[in-house]
Amino acid sequence: WHSATVDENSGKRLLKWTGGTKCWNGPVRSAEVSITCGAKTKLLSADEPETCRYILEMESPVGCDESFKQSNAL
């Protein structure tokens, strides 16, 4: 586990993990998860742009709060 932040421009929750298990002949694993507001928790996309570095996009009720509503005029 590394950090949790909120992107003030988009209202997305950004979760980061670093220092994971070392990949075979590669770096240690890391992951970034971007969460937007949604009625149900679901995975929208998963990508590995570099060896053992994972980027995930999700929707979840966790992403719904007042700052999200304000930034998206809801």
Protein backbone atom coordinates (compact mmCIF):
# COMPACT_ATOMS: atom_id res chain seq x y z
CA TRP A 1 0.00 0.00 0.00
CA HIS A 2 1.29 3.47 -0.85
CA SER A 3 -1.40 6.16 -0.96
CA ALA A 4 -4.98 7.30 -1.57
CA THR A 5 -5.75 10.71 -3.05
CA VAL A 6 -8.59 12.54 -4.80
CA ASP A 7 -7.95 14.22 -8.16
CA GLU A 8 -9.47 17.67 -7.65
CA ASN A 9 -10.08 18.18 -11.39
CA SER A 10 -11.98 14.95 -12.06
CA GLY A 11 -13.13 13.92 -8.56
CA LYS A 12 -11.64 10.45 -9.08
CA ARG A 13 -10.21 8.50 -6.18
CA LEU A 14 -6.64 7.39 -6.92
CA LEU A 15 -5.27 4.38 -5.01
CA LYS A 16 -1.63 3.29 -5.36
CA TRP A 17 0.31 0.21 -4.34
CA THR A 18 4.10 -0.04 -4.66
CA GLY A 19 6.85 -2.41 -3.57
CA GLY A 20 5.06 -5.62 -4.55
CA THR A 21 6.57 -8.99 -5.36
CA LYS A 22 9.51 -8.85 -7.76
CA CYS A 23 8.64 -10.00 -11.26
CA TRP A 24 10.76 -12.61 -12.99
CA ASN A 25 13.59 -10.62 -14.62
CA GLY A 26 11.73 -7.39 -13.99
CA PRO A 27 10.84 -4.70 -11.45
CA VAL A 28 8.68 -5.09 -8.37
CA ARG A 29 4.95 -5.01 -9.00
CA SER A 30 2.93 -1.80 -8.61
CA ALA A 31 -0.68 -0.85 -9.26
CA GLU A 32 -2.79 2.28 -9.66
CA VAL A 33 -6.58 2.19 -9.38
CA SER A 34 -8.77 5.09 -10.49
CA ILE A 35 -12.31 5.00 -9.04
CA THR A 36 -15.22 7.07 -10.34
CA CYS A 37 -18.79 7.28 -9.05
CA GLY A 38 -21.06 4.37 -9.95
CA ALA A 39 -24.08 2.54 -8.51
CA LYS A 40 -22.22 -0.79 -8.35
CA THR A 41 -18.57 -1.70 -7.91
CA LYS A 42 -17.24 -2.92 -11.24
CA LEU A 43 -13.96 -3.10 -13.10
CA LEU A 44 -14.01 -1.02 -16.30
CA SER A 45 -10.52 -1.73 -17.59
CA ALA A 46 -7.19 -3.28 -16.66
CA ASP A 47 -3.91 -2.62 -18.43
CA GLU A 48 -0.22 -3.42 -18.01
CA PRO A 49 1.51 -0.50 -19.80
CA GLU A 50 4.92 -1.64 -18.52
CA THR A 51 6.15 -4.96 -17.16
CA CYS A 52 4.47 -5.60 -13.79
CA ARG A 53 2.91 -2.11 -13.59
CA TYR A 54 -0.87 -2.33 -13.57
CA ILE A 55 -3.44 0.40 -14.24
CA LEU A 56 -7.10 -0.27 -13.38
CA GLU A 57 -10.24 1.84 -13.89
CA MET A 58 -13.26 1.15 -11.69
CA GLU A 59 -16.70 2.49 -10.83
CA SER A 60 -17.97 2.26 -7.26
CA PRO A 61 -20.23 4.01 -4.74
CA VAL A 62 -16.93 4.77 -2.95
CA GLY A 63 -16.28 7.40 -5.64
CA CYS A 64 -19.53 9.29 -5.00
CA ASP A 65 -19.29 12.26 -2.65
CA GLU A 66 -20.05 15.97 -2.52
CA SER A 67 -16.84 16.99 -4.29
CA PHE A 68 -17.68 14.64 -7.18
CA LYS A 69 -21.20 16.05 -7.41
CA GLN A 70 -19.91 19.64 -7.41
CA SER A 71 -17.17 19.03 -9.96
CA ASN A 72 -19.63 17.31 -12.30
CA ALA A 73 -22.57 19.71 -11.78
CA LEU A 74 -24.85 16.99 -10.38
